[in-house]
C-alpha atoms as a PDB file:
ATOM      1  CA  MET A   1      77.562 -86.860  36.373  1.00  0.00           C
ATOM      2  CA  LYS A   2      76.548 -88.443  33.269  1.00  0.00           C
ATOM      3  CA  ASN A   3      79.524 -87.046  31.508  1.00  0.00           C
ATOM      4  CA  LYS A   4      82.622 -88.493  34.413  1.00  0.00           C
ATOM      5  CA  MET A   5      80.770 -91.837  33.439  1.00  0.00           C
ATOM      6  CA  ASN A   6      81.398 -91.966  30.238  1.00  0.00           C
ATOM      7  CA  ILE A   7      85.082 -90.562  30.225  1.00  0.00           C
ATOM      8  CA  ARG A   8      85.681 -93.574  33.462  1.00  0.00           C
ATOM      9  CA  PHE A   9      84.136 -96.218  30.730  1.00  0.00           C
ATOM     10  CA  THR A  10      86.338 -95.545  27.997  1.00  0.00           C
ATOM     11  CA  ARG A  11      88.760 -95.266  29.907  1.00  0.00           C
ATOM     12  CA  TYR A  12      88.339 -98.925  31.140  1.00  0.00           C
ATOM     13  CA  SER A  13      87.131 -99.525  27.833  1.00  0.00           C
ATOM     14  CA  ILE A  14      90.766 -99.234  25.694  1.00  0.00           C
ATOM     15  CA  LEU A  15      92.353-100.034  29.632  1.00  0.00           C
ATOM     16  CA  PHE A  16      91.080-103.392  28.695  1.00  0.00           C
ATOM     17  CA  LEU A  17      91.509-103.798  25.194  1.00  0.00           C
ATOM     18  CA  ALA A  18      95.432-102.819  25.008  1.00  0.00           C
ATOM     19  CA  VAL A  19      95.697-105.739  27.464  1.00  0.00           C
ATOM     20  CA  ALA A  20      93.504-107.696  25.943  1.00  0.00           C
ATOM     21  CA  VAL A  21      96.156-107.318  23.098  1.00  0.00           C
ATOM     22  CA  LEU A  22      99.223-107.125  24.873  1.00  0.00           C
ATOM     23  CA  VAL A  23      98.431-110.677  25.729  1.00  0.00           C
ATOM     24  CA  ILE A  24      97.246-112.038  22.632  1.00  0.00           C
ATOM     25  CA  GLY A  25     100.743-111.206  21.073  1.00  0.00           C
ATOM     26  CA  THR A  26     102.611-112.825  24.375  1.00  0.00           C
ATOM     27  CA  LEU A  27     100.364-116.264  23.245  1.00  0.00           C
ATOM     28  CA  ASN A  28     101.049-115.286  19.787  1.00  0.00           C
ATOM     29  CA  ARG A  29     104.730-115.529  20.463  1.00  0.00           C
ATOM     30  CA  GLU A  30     104.185-112.308  18.525  1.00  0.00           C
ATOM     31  CA  TYR A  31     107.327-111.200  20.879  1.00  0.00           C
ATOM     32  CA  GLU A  32     109.716-113.011  18.861  1.00  0.00           C
ATOM     33  CA  ALA A  33     109.785-111.452  15.310  1.00  0.00           C
ATOM     34  CA  VAL A  34     109.592-107.831  17.512  1.00  0.00           C
ATOM     35  CA  PHE A  35     113.322-108.871  18.910  1.00  0.00           C
ATOM     36  CA  ASN A  36     114.627-110.357  16.161  1.00  0.00           C
ATOM     37  CA  LYS A  37     113.868-107.576  13.865  1.00  0.00           C
ATOM     38  CA  ALA A  38     115.498-105.064  16.676  1.00  0.00           C
ATOM     39  CA  ILE A  39     118.564-106.941  15.901  1.00  0.00           C
ATOM     40  CA  ASN A  40     118.573-106.364  12.530  1.00  0.00           C
ATOM     41  CA  ILE A  41     118.068-103.056  13.050  1.00  0.00           C
ATOM     42  CA  CYS A  42     120.794-102.419  15.527  1.00  0.00           C
ATOM     43  CA  LEU A  43     123.204-105.110  14.209  1.00  0.00           C
ATOM     44  CA  GLU A  44     122.654-103.131  10.659  1.00  0.00           C
ATOM     45  CA  CYS A  45     123.236 -99.316  12.408  1.00  0.00           C
ATOM     46  CA  ILE A  46     126.250-100.254  13.933  1.00  0.00           C
ATOM     47  CA  GLY A  47     128.053-102.005  10.064  1.00  0.00           C
ATOM     48  CA  ILE A  48     128.185-106.073  11.352  1.00  0.00           C
ATOM     49  CA  GLY A  49     124.778-106.755  10.187  1.00  0.00           C
END
């Protein structure tokens, strides 16, 4: 019984931390840097950049 509670607590802790990191990254506008890097990689693969 206690083992199941530990597993449940661990799962919800990891879920909470993942959501918190996503929110912090979104608030810091980190998605713009990721998007720009993705564009550059795609253009290099095509041969334009």
